[in-house]
Amino acid sequence: MIGAVPEQKEMRGVSRYEAVIATLIGLLAVCVSAYTAYMQRQQVRAAVWPILEFDSSNAPDIHYTVANKGVGPAIIRNVIVMVDGQPVRNWKEALEKILGPGDHLFSESDMSFHVLAAGESRTVFTPHNPENNPLNYDRSNPLWLKMNKERLRVSVEICYCSTLGECWTLRASGLAPSTTTDARHCPTSSAISFQQ
């Protein structure tokens, strides 16, 4: 019996050693699993990442466009359109600030609460001439000259989200480079939100 006691102590020592090793292996497996889940999440994020652009052009006619250059859909949650940094509620109000009071003709397409598919581009505003035709490139037309010059006074803030709920705010203007910043969430519509 006296000889069995050191053997039991040795067995307990081995059991503790095995328990520590098993615990370390378990922790390592949890870490590897967490890292794998993180990497999979990053890959899914990259697979649905939208990138919005807002642009103005004068050819073949004067117009504004919004485009999704990303690989996933862009869910537009809130839009603010400004002229000279002052919010406007709609394109009619924007044209009155740019061209002065009067009946200005134009065509428009919704931006607010729209989902832009990856690669989709949409013309959101086109001013028209008195015959209700798009304002085509024509340096002899005073209306085209004025609108072409003044269109750069328009700027936008567009808050949009991915299908995973990650959100960004695009700030674009004809006078400065566009910037996109992370947003925790998009604001709800307010008195300065663009209404179409």
N, C-alpha and C. Protein backbone atom coordinates (compact mmCIF):
# COMPACT_ATOMS: atom_id res chain seq x y z
N MET A 1 0.81 -1.19 0.00
CA MET A 1 0.00 0.00 0.00
C MET A 1 0.85 1.25 0.00
N ILE A 2 1.93 1.19 0.70
CA ILE A 2 2.76 2.37 0.78
C ILE A 2 3.32 2.72 -0.60
N GLY A 3 3.57 1.77 -1.44
CA GLY A 3 4.09 2.01 -2.77
C GLY A 3 3.05 2.59 -3.71
N ALA A 4 1.77 2.46 -3.43
CA ALA A 4 0.71 2.94 -4.32
C ALA A 4 0.52 4.43 -4.20
N VAL A 5 0.87 5.04 -3.12
CA VAL A 5 0.64 6.47 -2.92
C VAL A 5 1.45 7.31 -3.90
N PRO A 6 2.71 7.10 -4.12
CA PRO A 6 3.42 7.92 -5.12
C PRO A 6 2.87 7.72 -6.53
N GLU A 7 2.39 6.53 -6.80
CA GLU A 7 1.83 6.27 -8.13
C GLU A 7 0.54 7.08 -8.32
N GLN A 8 -0.28 7.19 -7.29
CA GLN A 8 -1.51 7.98 -7.37
C GLN A 8 -1.19 9.46 -7.54
N LYS A 9 -0.17 9.93 -6.80
CA LYS A 9 0.23 11.34 -6.94
C LYS A 9 0.70 11.61 -8.35
N GLU A 10 1.43 10.66 -8.91
CA GLU A 10 1.91 10.82 -10.28
C GLU A 10 0.73 10.85 -11.26
N MET A 11 -0.28 10.01 -11.03
CA MET A 11 -1.46 9.97 -11.90
C MET A 11 -2.24 11.28 -11.81
N ARG A 12 -2.35 11.82 -10.58
CA ARG A 12 -3.04 13.10 -10.43
C ARG A 12 -2.29 14.20 -11.15
N GLY A 13 -0.99 14.17 -11.10
CA GLY A 13 -0.16 15.17 -11.80
C GLY A 13 -0.38 15.10 -13.30
N VAL A 14 -0.44 13.88 -13.83
CA VAL A 14 -0.68 13.68 -15.27
C VAL A 14 -2.08 14.15 -15.61
N SER A 15 -3.06 13.86 -14.78
CA SER A 15 -4.45 14.27 -15.04
C SER A 15 -4.55 15.80 -15.07
N ARG A 16 -3.89 16.46 -14.16
CA ARG A 16 -3.91 17.93 -14.15
C ARG A 16 -3.24 18.48 -15.41
N TYR A 17 -2.13 17.87 -15.75
CA TYR A 17 -1.41 18.29 -16.95
C TYR A 17 -2.30 18.11 -18.17
N GLU A 18 -2.97 16.98 -18.28
CA GLU A 18 -3.87 16.73 -19.41
C GLU A 18 -5.04 17.71 -19.41
N ALA A 19 -5.56 18.07 -18.23
CA ALA A 19 -6.68 19.02 -18.14
C ALA A 19 -6.25 20.41 -18.61
N VAL A 20 -5.05 20.82 -18.22
CA VAL A 20 -4.53 22.12 -18.66
C VAL A 20 -4.35 22.13 -20.17
N ILE A 21 -3.77 21.08 -20.72
CA ILE A 21 -3.57 20.98 -22.17
C ILE A 21 -4.92 20.99 -22.89
N ALA A 22 -5.88 20.23 -22.39
CA ALA A 22 -7.21 20.18 -23.02
C ALA A 22 -7.88 21.55 -22.97
N THR A 23 -7.72 22.27 -21.85
CA THR A 23 -8.29 23.62 -21.72
C THR A 23 -7.64 24.57 -22.74
N LEU A 24 -6.33 24.51 -22.86
CA LEU A 24 -5.62 25.36 -23.82
C LEU A 24 -6.05 25.05 -25.26
N ILE A 25 -6.19 23.77 -25.56
CA ILE A 25 -6.64 23.38 -26.91
C ILE A 25 -8.05 23.89 -27.16
N GLY A 26 -8.92 23.79 -26.15
CA GLY A 26 -10.29 24.30 -26.27
C GLY A 26 -10.31 25.80 -26.50
N LEU A 27 -9.49 26.56 -25.75
CA LEU A 27 -9.41 28.01 -25.94
C LEU A 27 -8.88 28.36 -27.33
N LEU A 28 -7.89 27.62 -27.77
CA LEU A 28 -7.34 27.83 -29.12
C LEU A 28 -8.41 27.58 -30.18
N ALA A 29 -9.19 26.53 -30.00
CA ALA A 29 -10.27 26.23 -30.95
C ALA A 29 -11.31 27.34 -30.97
N VAL A 30 -11.65 27.90 -29.80
CA VAL A 30 -12.60 29.01 -29.74
C VAL A 30 -12.03 30.23 -30.46
N CYS A 31 -10.74 30.52 -30.25
CA CYS A 31 -10.10 31.67 -30.93
C CYS A 31 -10.10 31.49 -32.44
N VAL A 32 -9.75 30.30 -32.90
CA VAL A 32 -9.73 30.02 -34.34
C VAL A 32 -11.14 30.16 -34.90
N SER A 33 -12.12 29.66 -34.19
CA SER A 33 -13.51 29.76 -34.64
C SER A 33 -13.96 31.21 -34.71
N ALA A 34 -13.62 32.01 -33.70
CA ALA A 34 -13.99 33.44 -33.70
C ALA A 34 -13.31 34.17 -34.85
N TYR A 35 -12.04 33.89 -35.09
CA TYR A 35 -11.32 34.53 -36.19
C TYR A 35 -11.93 34.13 -37.54
N THR A 36 -12.29 32.87 -37.70
CA THR A 36 -12.92 32.41 -38.95
C THR A 36 -14.26 33.11 -39.16
N ALA A 37 -15.05 33.24 -38.10
CA ALA A 37 -16.33 33.95 -38.21
C ALA A 37 -16.12 35.41 -38.58
N TYR A 38 -15.10 36.03 -37.98
CA TYR A 38 -14.78 37.43 -38.30
C TYR A 38 -14.39 37.57 -39.77
N MET A 39 -13.55 36.68 -40.26
CA MET A 39 -13.12 36.75 -41.66
C MET A 39 -14.29 36.51 -42.61
N GLN A 40 -15.17 35.59 -42.27
CA GLN A 40 -16.35 35.35 -43.10
C GLN A 40 -17.24 36.58 -43.13
N ARG A 41 -17.39 37.23 -42.00
CA ARG A 41 -18.19 38.47 -41.93
C ARG A 41 -17.56 39.55 -42.82
N GLN A 42 -16.24 39.66 -42.79
CA GLN A 42 -15.56 40.66 -43.64
C GLN A 42 -15.79 40.34 -45.12
N GLN A 43 -15.75 39.08 -45.48
CA GLN A 43 -15.98 38.70 -46.87
C GLN A 43 -17.41 39.00 -47.29
N VAL A 44 -18.37 38.75 -46.41
CA VAL A 44 -19.78 39.06 -46.72
C VAL A 44 -19.94 40.58 -46.86
N ARG A 45 -19.32 41.34 -45.97
CA ARG A 45 -19.39 42.81 -46.05
C ARG A 45 -18.86 43.28 -47.39
N ALA A 46 -17.73 42.75 -47.81
CA ALA A 46 -17.13 43.16 -49.08
C ALA A 46 -18.01 42.77 -50.26
N ALA A 47 -18.76 41.67 -50.13
CA ALA A 47 -19.60 41.19 -51.22
C ALA A 47 -20.88 42.02 -51.40
N VAL A 48 -21.26 42.81 -50.38
CA VAL A 48 -22.48 43.61 -50.50
C VAL A 48 -22.22 45.11 -50.29
N TRP A 49 -20.99 45.54 -50.49
CA TRP A 49 -20.60 46.91 -50.21
C TRP A 49 -21.03 47.84 -51.33
N PRO A 50 -21.97 48.78 -51.07
CA PRO A 50 -22.35 49.76 -52.08
C PRO A 50 -21.45 50.99 -52.02
N ILE A 51 -21.26 51.65 -53.13
CA ILE A 51 -20.50 52.89 -53.19
C ILE A 51 -21.28 53.86 -54.08
N LEU A 52 -21.90 54.86 -53.46
CA LEU A 52 -22.69 55.82 -54.24
C LEU A 52 -21.83 56.97 -54.77
N GLU A 53 -22.21 57.45 -55.95
CA GLU A 53 -21.61 58.65 -56.54
C GLU A 53 -22.74 59.54 -57.03
N PHE A 54 -22.55 60.84 -56.86
CA PHE A 54 -23.49 61.83 -57.38
C PHE A 54 -22.70 62.72 -58.32
N ASP A 55 -23.27 62.98 -59.51
CA ASP A 55 -22.51 63.73 -60.50
C ASP A 55 -23.43 64.62 -61.32
N SER A 56 -22.83 65.62 -61.92
CA SER A 56 -23.53 66.53 -62.82
C SER A 56 -22.79 66.53 -64.15
N SER A 57 -23.56 66.66 -65.23
CA SER A 57 -22.95 66.66 -66.55
C SER A 57 -23.68 67.65 -67.45
N ASN A 58 -23.02 68.05 -68.55
CA ASN A 58 -23.66 68.94 -69.51
C ASN A 58 -23.74 68.33 -70.91
N ALA A 59 -23.46 67.06 -71.02
CA ALA A 59 -23.51 66.42 -72.35
C ALA A 59 -24.18 65.07 -72.24
N PRO A 60 -25.10 64.73 -73.08
CA PRO A 60 -25.63 65.53 -74.19
C PRO A 60 -26.56 66.63 -73.72
N ASP A 61 -27.04 66.53 -72.47
CA ASP A 61 -27.85 67.59 -71.89
C ASP A 61 -27.40 67.80 -70.46
N ILE A 62 -27.86 68.87 -69.84
CA ILE A 62 -27.54 69.11 -68.43
C ILE A 62 -28.39 68.16 -67.59
N HIS A 63 -27.74 67.47 -66.66
CA HIS A 63 -28.46 66.54 -65.79
C HIS A 63 -27.61 66.18 -64.58
N TYR A 64 -28.29 65.64 -63.57
CA TYR A 64 -27.64 65.11 -62.38
C TYR A 64 -27.93 63.62 -62.31
N THR A 65 -26.93 62.85 -61.90
CA THR A 65 -27.12 61.41 -61.79
C THR A 65 -26.63 60.92 -60.43
N VAL A 66 -27.21 59.82 -60.00
CA VAL A 66 -26.72 59.10 -58.84
C VAL A 66 -26.46 57.67 -59.33
N ALA A 67 -25.30 57.14 -58.93
CA ALA A 67 -24.90 55.81 -59.41
C ALA A 67 -24.32 55.00 -58.26
N ASN A 68 -24.53 53.70 -58.33
CA ASN A 68 -23.95 52.77 -57.36
C ASN A 68 -22.79 52.06 -58.04
N LYS A 69 -21.57 52.41 -57.64
CA LYS A 69 -20.36 51.82 -58.21
C LYS A 69 -19.87 50.63 -57.39
N GLY A 70 -20.61 50.26 -56.36
CA GLY A 70 -20.21 49.16 -55.50
C GLY A 70 -20.68 47.82 -56.03
N VAL A 71 -20.54 46.79 -55.19
CA VAL A 71 -20.90 45.43 -55.59
C VAL A 71 -22.19 44.94 -54.96
N GLY A 72 -22.79 45.76 -54.10
CA GLY A 72 -24.05 45.39 -53.47
C GLY A 72 -25.05 46.52 -53.57
N PRO A 73 -26.33 46.25 -53.29
CA PRO A 73 -27.35 47.28 -53.38
C PRO A 73 -27.15 48.40 -52.36
N ALA A 74 -27.52 49.62 -52.76
CA ALA A 74 -27.47 50.78 -51.87
C ALA A 74 -28.90 51.17 -51.53
N ILE A 75 -29.23 51.14 -50.25
CA ILE A 75 -30.57 51.50 -49.80
C ILE A 75 -30.50 52.96 -49.34
N ILE A 76 -31.08 53.86 -50.13
CA ILE A 76 -31.01 55.29 -49.82
C ILE A 76 -32.05 55.61 -48.75
N ARG A 77 -31.58 56.12 -47.62
CA ARG A 77 -32.44 56.38 -46.47
C ARG A 77 -32.82 57.85 -46.31
N ASN A 78 -31.89 58.76 -46.64
CA ASN A 78 -32.17 60.18 -46.45
C ASN A 78 -31.35 60.98 -47.46
N VAL A 79 -32.00 62.00 -48.06
CA VAL A 79 -31.33 62.86 -49.05
C VAL A 79 -31.56 64.31 -48.67
N ILE A 80 -30.48 65.08 -48.73
CA ILE A 80 -30.57 66.53 -48.56
C ILE A 80 -29.91 67.14 -49.79
N VAL A 81 -30.66 67.98 -50.52
CA VAL A 81 -30.13 68.70 -51.68
C VAL A 81 -30.01 70.15 -51.27
N MET A 82 -28.87 70.77 -51.60
CA MET A 82 -28.62 72.16 -51.22
C MET A 82 -28.20 72.98 -52.44
N VAL A 83 -28.55 74.25 -52.39
CA VAL A 83 -28.05 75.23 -53.35
C VAL A 83 -27.33 76.28 -52.52
N ASP A 84 -26.07 76.49 -52.80
CA ASP A 84 -25.22 77.41 -52.02
C ASP A 84 -25.23 77.05 -50.54
N GLY A 85 -25.29 75.77 -50.23
CA GLY A 85 -25.24 75.31 -48.85
C GLY A 85 -26.56 75.41 -48.11
N GLN A 86 -27.62 75.88 -48.75
CA GLN A 86 -28.93 76.00 -48.13
C GLN A 86 -29.84 74.88 -48.62
N PRO A 87 -30.45 74.11 -47.72
CA PRO A 87 -31.31 72.99 -48.15
C PRO A 87 -32.52 73.47 -48.95
N VAL A 88 -32.88 72.67 -49.94
CA VAL A 88 -34.10 72.90 -50.72
C VAL A 88 -34.96 71.65 -50.59
N ARG A 89 -36.27 71.81 -50.68
CA ARG A 89 -37.18 70.68 -50.47
C ARG A 89 -37.43 69.87 -51.74
N ASN A 90 -37.23 70.50 -52.93
CA ASN A 90 -37.49 69.81 -54.19
C ASN A 90 -36.73 70.50 -55.32
N TRP A 91 -36.81 69.92 -56.52
CA TRP A 91 -36.07 70.48 -57.66
C TRP A 91 -36.65 71.81 -58.11
N LYS A 92 -37.95 72.03 -57.95
CA LYS A 92 -38.57 73.31 -58.32
C LYS A 92 -37.93 74.43 -57.51
N GLU A 93 -37.79 74.21 -56.21
CA GLU A 93 -37.16 75.21 -55.34
C GLU A 93 -35.69 75.41 -55.71
N ALA A 94 -35.01 74.32 -56.06
CA ALA A 94 -33.60 74.44 -56.48
C ALA A 94 -33.48 75.29 -57.74
N LEU A 95 -34.34 75.05 -58.72
CA LEU A 95 -34.30 75.83 -59.96
C LEU A 95 -34.61 77.30 -59.72
N GLU A 96 -35.52 77.59 -58.81
CA GLU A 96 -35.83 78.99 -58.51
C GLU A 96 -34.63 79.69 -57.90
N LYS A 97 -33.85 78.98 -57.09
CA LYS A 97 -32.64 79.58 -56.51
C LYS A 97 -31.55 79.76 -57.58
N ILE A 98 -31.50 78.83 -58.53
CA ILE A 98 -30.47 78.89 -59.57
C ILE A 98 -30.83 79.88 -60.67
N LEU A 99 -32.07 79.80 -61.16
CA LEU A 99 -32.47 80.59 -62.33
C LEU A 99 -33.36 81.78 -61.99
N GLY A 100 -33.85 81.88 -60.77
CA GLY A 100 -34.78 82.93 -60.40
C GLY A 100 -36.21 82.42 -60.47
N PRO A 101 -37.16 83.24 -60.01
CA PRO A 101 -38.55 82.80 -60.00
C PRO A 101 -39.08 82.58 -61.42
N GLY A 102 -40.11 81.75 -61.51
CA GLY A 102 -40.73 81.47 -62.80
C GLY A 102 -41.12 80.02 -62.92
N ASP A 103 -41.76 79.71 -64.03
CA ASP A 103 -42.13 78.33 -64.32
C ASP A 103 -40.99 77.66 -65.05
N HIS A 104 -40.27 76.82 -64.35
CA HIS A 104 -39.14 76.12 -64.94
C HIS A 104 -39.55 74.67 -65.18
N LEU A 105 -39.25 74.19 -66.37
CA LEU A 105 -39.62 72.83 -66.74
C LEU A 105 -38.45 71.88 -66.48
N PHE A 106 -38.78 70.67 -66.06
CA PHE A 106 -37.74 69.68 -65.77
C PHE A 106 -38.37 68.30 -65.67
N SER A 107 -37.52 67.30 -65.72
CA SER A 107 -37.95 65.93 -65.41
C SER A 107 -37.11 65.45 -64.24
N GLU A 108 -37.68 64.55 -63.45
CA GLU A 108 -36.99 64.07 -62.26
C GLU A 108 -37.29 62.59 -62.04
N SER A 109 -36.44 61.97 -61.25
CA SER A 109 -36.61 60.58 -60.86
C SER A 109 -36.28 60.49 -59.38
N ASP A 110 -37.02 59.68 -58.66
CA ASP A 110 -36.83 59.58 -57.21
C ASP A 110 -35.42 59.13 -56.83
N MET A 111 -34.94 59.74 -55.75
CA MET A 111 -33.70 59.29 -55.10
C MET A 111 -34.04 58.76 -53.72
N SER A 112 -34.84 59.53 -52.99
CA SER A 112 -35.15 59.20 -51.60
C SER A 112 -35.85 57.85 -51.50
N PHE A 113 -35.40 57.05 -50.55
CA PHE A 113 -35.99 55.75 -50.24
C PHE A 113 -35.97 54.80 -51.44
N HIS A 114 -35.00 54.97 -52.30
CA HIS A 114 -34.85 54.10 -53.47
C HIS A 114 -33.71 53.13 -53.21
N VAL A 115 -33.79 51.95 -53.79
CA VAL A 115 -32.70 50.99 -53.71
C VAL A 115 -32.02 50.94 -55.08
N LEU A 116 -30.74 51.28 -55.09
CA LEU A 116 -29.96 51.22 -56.33
C LEU A 116 -29.18 49.92 -56.36
N ALA A 117 -29.41 49.12 -57.37
CA ALA A 117 -28.67 47.87 -57.52
C ALA A 117 -27.21 48.16 -57.85
N ALA A 118 -26.35 47.19 -57.62
CA ALA A 118 -24.94 47.33 -57.98
C ALA A 118 -24.84 47.63 -59.47
N GLY A 119 -24.09 48.66 -59.82
CA GLY A 119 -23.90 49.02 -61.22
C GLY A 119 -25.01 49.89 -61.79
N GLU A 120 -26.07 50.14 -61.02
CA GLU A 120 -27.19 50.94 -61.53
C GLU A 120 -26.86 52.43 -61.46
N SER A 121 -27.28 53.14 -62.49
CA SER A 121 -27.14 54.58 -62.55
C SER A 121 -28.49 55.16 -62.92
N ARG A 122 -28.85 56.28 -62.32
CA ARG A 122 -30.15 56.85 -62.63
C ARG A 122 -30.02 58.36 -62.71
N THR A 123 -30.62 58.92 -63.77
CA THR A 123 -30.67 60.36 -63.92
C THR A 123 -31.78 60.86 -63.01
N VAL A 124 -31.44 61.73 -62.05
CA VAL A 124 -32.42 62.16 -61.07
C VAL A 124 -33.01 63.53 -61.38
N PHE A 125 -32.34 64.29 -62.27
CA PHE A 125 -32.87 65.61 -62.60
C PHE A 125 -32.32 66.07 -63.95
N THR A 126 -33.22 66.58 -64.79
CA THR A 126 -32.85 67.16 -66.08
C THR A 126 -33.70 68.40 -66.31
N PRO A 127 -33.08 69.60 -66.38
CA PRO A 127 -33.86 70.79 -66.70
C PRO A 127 -34.27 70.77 -68.18
N HIS A 128 -35.41 71.39 -68.47
CA HIS A 128 -35.92 71.43 -69.84
C HIS A 128 -36.01 72.87 -70.34
N ASN A 129 -36.06 73.03 -71.65
CA ASN A 129 -36.23 74.34 -72.27
C ASN A 129 -37.73 74.67 -72.33
N PRO A 130 -38.11 75.87 -72.80
CA PRO A 130 -39.53 76.23 -72.86
C PRO A 130 -40.39 75.30 -73.73
N GLU A 131 -39.77 74.57 -74.65
CA GLU A 131 -40.52 73.60 -75.46
C GLU A 131 -40.61 72.24 -74.77
N ASN A 132 -40.17 72.18 -73.51
CA ASN A 132 -40.19 70.97 -72.68
C ASN A 132 -39.29 69.86 -73.21
N ASN A 133 -38.16 70.24 -73.80
CA ASN A 133 -37.13 69.30 -74.24
C ASN A 133 -35.93 69.44 -73.31
N PRO A 134 -35.17 68.38 -73.10
CA PRO A 134 -33.97 68.50 -72.27
C PRO A 134 -33.07 69.63 -72.77
N LEU A 135 -32.42 70.28 -71.83
CA LEU A 135 -31.56 71.42 -72.13
C LEU A 135 -30.25 70.90 -72.70
N ASN A 136 -30.23 70.68 -74.03
CA ASN A 136 -29.08 70.11 -74.72
C ASN A 136 -27.94 71.12 -74.85
N TYR A 137 -26.76 70.57 -75.03
CA TYR A 137 -25.55 71.37 -75.19
C TYR A 137 -25.74 72.37 -76.32
N ASP A 138 -25.69 73.67 -75.98
CA ASP A 138 -25.88 74.72 -76.97
C ASP A 138 -25.33 76.02 -76.40
N ARG A 139 -24.11 76.35 -76.76
CA ARG A 139 -23.47 77.56 -76.23
C ARG A 139 -24.15 78.85 -76.68
N SER A 140 -25.03 78.78 -77.66
CA SER A 140 -25.74 79.99 -78.11
C SER A 140 -27.03 80.20 -77.32
N ASN A 141 -27.42 79.23 -76.49
CA ASN A 141 -28.65 79.33 -75.71
C ASN A 141 -28.33 79.92 -74.34
N PRO A 142 -28.87 81.14 -74.03
CA PRO A 142 -28.57 81.76 -72.73
C PRO A 142 -29.02 80.91 -71.53
N LEU A 143 -30.13 80.18 -71.69
CA LEU A 143 -30.61 79.32 -70.61
C LEU A 143 -29.61 78.19 -70.35
N TRP A 144 -29.10 77.60 -71.42
CA TRP A 144 -28.09 76.53 -71.26
C TRP A 144 -26.84 77.09 -70.59
N LEU A 145 -26.37 78.27 -71.04
CA LEU A 145 -25.17 78.87 -70.46
C LEU A 145 -25.33 79.12 -68.97
N LYS A 146 -26.48 79.69 -68.59
CA LYS A 146 -26.71 79.99 -67.17
C LYS A 146 -26.80 78.70 -66.36
N MET A 147 -27.58 77.74 -66.84
CA MET A 147 -27.74 76.49 -66.09
C MET A 147 -26.43 75.72 -66.02
N ASN A 148 -25.67 75.73 -67.08
CA ASN A 148 -24.38 75.04 -67.09
C ASN A 148 -23.44 75.63 -66.05
N LYS A 149 -23.43 76.94 -65.92
CA LYS A 149 -22.56 77.60 -64.93
C LYS A 149 -23.09 77.36 -63.51
N GLU A 150 -24.38 77.53 -63.32
CA GLU A 150 -24.96 77.52 -61.98
C GLU A 150 -25.20 76.11 -61.42
N ARG A 151 -25.17 75.09 -62.25
CA ARG A 151 -25.43 73.72 -61.77
C ARG A 151 -24.41 73.29 -60.73
N LEU A 152 -23.24 73.90 -60.73
CA LEU A 152 -22.20 73.54 -59.78
C LEU A 152 -22.49 74.06 -58.37
N ARG A 153 -23.51 74.90 -58.23
CA ARG A 153 -23.90 75.40 -56.91
C ARG A 153 -24.69 74.35 -56.12
N VAL A 154 -25.12 73.30 -56.79
CA VAL A 154 -25.92 72.25 -56.14
C VAL A 154 -25.00 71.24 -55.46
N SER A 155 -25.35 70.89 -54.24
CA SER A 155 -24.61 69.84 -53.51
C SER A 155 -25.63 68.92 -52.83
N VAL A 156 -25.18 67.74 -52.46
CA VAL A 156 -26.07 66.77 -51.83
C VAL A 156 -25.39 66.10 -50.64
N GLU A 157 -26.23 65.62 -49.73
CA GLU A 157 -25.82 64.69 -48.68
C GLU A 157 -26.79 63.51 -48.80
N ILE A 158 -26.26 62.36 -49.12
CA ILE A 158 -27.09 61.17 -49.29
C ILE A 158 -26.63 60.13 -48.28
N CYS A 159 -27.53 59.75 -47.38
CA CYS A 159 -27.22 58.69 -46.41
C CYS A 159 -27.81 57.39 -46.96
N TYR A 160 -26.97 56.37 -47.05
CA TYR A 160 -27.41 55.09 -47.60
C TYR A 160 -26.81 53.94 -46.81
N CYS A 161 -27.43 52.77 -46.94
CA CYS A 161 -27.01 51.61 -46.16
C CYS A 161 -26.85 50.39 -47.07
N SER A 162 -26.08 49.42 -46.59
CA SER A 162 -25.96 48.13 -47.27
C SER A 162 -27.06 47.21 -46.75
N THR A 163 -27.16 46.04 -47.34
CA THR A 163 -28.15 45.07 -46.87
C THR A 163 -27.81 44.52 -45.49
N LEU A 164 -26.58 44.75 -45.02
CA LEU A 164 -26.19 44.32 -43.67
C LEU A 164 -26.45 45.41 -42.63
N GLY A 165 -26.99 46.57 -43.07
CA GLY A 165 -27.30 47.65 -42.14
C GLY A 165 -26.16 48.60 -41.86
N GLU A 166 -25.03 48.45 -42.55
CA GLU A 166 -23.94 49.40 -42.40
C GLU A 166 -24.27 50.62 -43.27
N CYS A 167 -24.03 51.82 -42.73
CA CYS A 167 -24.46 53.05 -43.41
C CYS A 167 -23.30 54.01 -43.65
N TRP A 168 -23.48 54.83 -44.68
CA TRP A 168 -22.49 55.85 -45.05
C TRP A 168 -23.22 57.11 -45.48
N THR A 169 -22.52 58.24 -45.43
CA THR A 169 -23.06 59.50 -45.93
C THR A 169 -22.15 60.02 -47.02
N LEU A 170 -22.72 60.21 -48.21
CA LEU A 170 -22.01 60.79 -49.35
C LEU A 170 -22.27 62.28 -49.35
N ARG A 171 -21.21 63.06 -49.42
CA ARG A 171 -21.31 64.52 -49.59
C ARG A 171 -20.66 64.84 -50.92
N ALA A 172 -21.47 65.39 -51.84
CA ALA A 172 -20.96 65.66 -53.19
C ALA A 172 -21.39 67.06 -53.62
N SER A 173 -20.50 67.70 -54.35
CA SER A 173 -20.75 69.04 -54.85
C SER A 173 -19.99 69.22 -56.15
N GLY A 174 -20.50 70.10 -56.98
CA GLY A 174 -19.79 70.40 -58.22
C GLY A 174 -18.52 71.19 -57.99
N LEU A 175 -18.36 71.77 -56.80
CA LEU A 175 -17.22 72.64 -56.53
C LEU A 175 -16.14 72.00 -55.66
N ALA A 176 -16.39 70.83 -55.16
CA ALA A 176 -15.41 70.18 -54.27
C ALA A 176 -15.44 68.68 -54.51
N PRO A 177 -14.35 67.98 -54.17
CA PRO A 177 -14.35 66.52 -54.32
C PRO A 177 -15.38 65.88 -53.39
N SER A 178 -15.94 64.78 -53.83
CA SER A 178 -16.91 64.03 -53.02
C SER A 178 -16.20 63.33 -51.87
N THR A 179 -16.93 63.18 -50.77
CA THR A 179 -16.42 62.43 -49.63
C THR A 179 -17.51 61.48 -49.16
N THR A 180 -17.10 60.33 -48.67
CA THR A 180 -18.01 59.37 -48.08
C THR A 180 -17.49 59.02 -46.70
N THR A 181 -18.37 59.13 -45.70
CA THR A 181 -17.98 58.85 -44.32
C THR A 181 -18.91 57.79 -43.73
N ASP A 182 -18.39 57.02 -42.78
CA ASP A 182 -19.21 56.04 -42.07
C ASP A 182 -20.28 56.76 -41.26
N ALA A 183 -21.44 56.16 -41.18
CA ALA A 183 -22.53 56.68 -40.34
C ALA A 183 -23.05 55.52 -39.50
N ARG A 184 -23.30 55.77 -38.24
CA ARG A 184 -23.84 54.71 -37.38
C ARG A 184 -25.21 54.28 -37.88
N HIS A 185 -25.99 55.26 -38.30
CA HIS A 185 -27.30 55.03 -38.89
C HIS A 185 -27.69 56.29 -39.64
N CYS A 186 -28.67 56.18 -40.51
CA CYS A 186 -29.14 57.34 -41.28
C CYS A 186 -30.21 58.07 -40.48
N PRO A 187 -30.20 59.40 -40.57
CA PRO A 187 -31.25 60.15 -39.87
C PRO A 187 -32.61 59.92 -40.53
N THR A 188 -33.65 60.10 -39.76
CA THR A 188 -35.00 60.03 -40.33
C THR A 188 -35.27 61.33 -41.08
N SER A 189 -36.29 61.31 -41.92
CA SER A 189 -36.66 62.52 -42.67
C SER A 189 -36.95 63.66 -41.72
N SER A 190 -36.55 64.85 -42.14
CA SER A 190 -36.76 66.04 -41.31
C SER A 190 -37.21 67.18 -42.21
N ALA A 191 -37.29 68.37 -41.64
CA ALA A 191 -37.74 69.54 -42.40
C ALA A 191 -36.77 69.89 -43.53
N ILE A 192 -35.52 69.46 -43.44
CA ILE A 192 -34.56 69.79 -44.50
C ILE A 192 -34.36 68.65 -45.47
N SER A 193 -35.02 67.52 -45.25
CA SER A 193 -34.88 66.38 -46.18
C SER A 193 -35.53 66.72 -47.51
N PHE A 194 -34.93 66.20 -48.57
CA PHE A 194 -35.41 66.42 -49.93
C PHE A 194 -36.66 65.60 -50.17
N GLN A 195 -37.70 66.24 -50.69
CA GLN A 195 -38.96 65.57 -51.00
C GLN A 195 -39.18 65.61 -52.50
N GLN A 196 -39.51 64.50 -53.10
CA GLN A 196 -39.77 64.49 -54.53
C GLN A 196 -41.21 64.20 -54.77
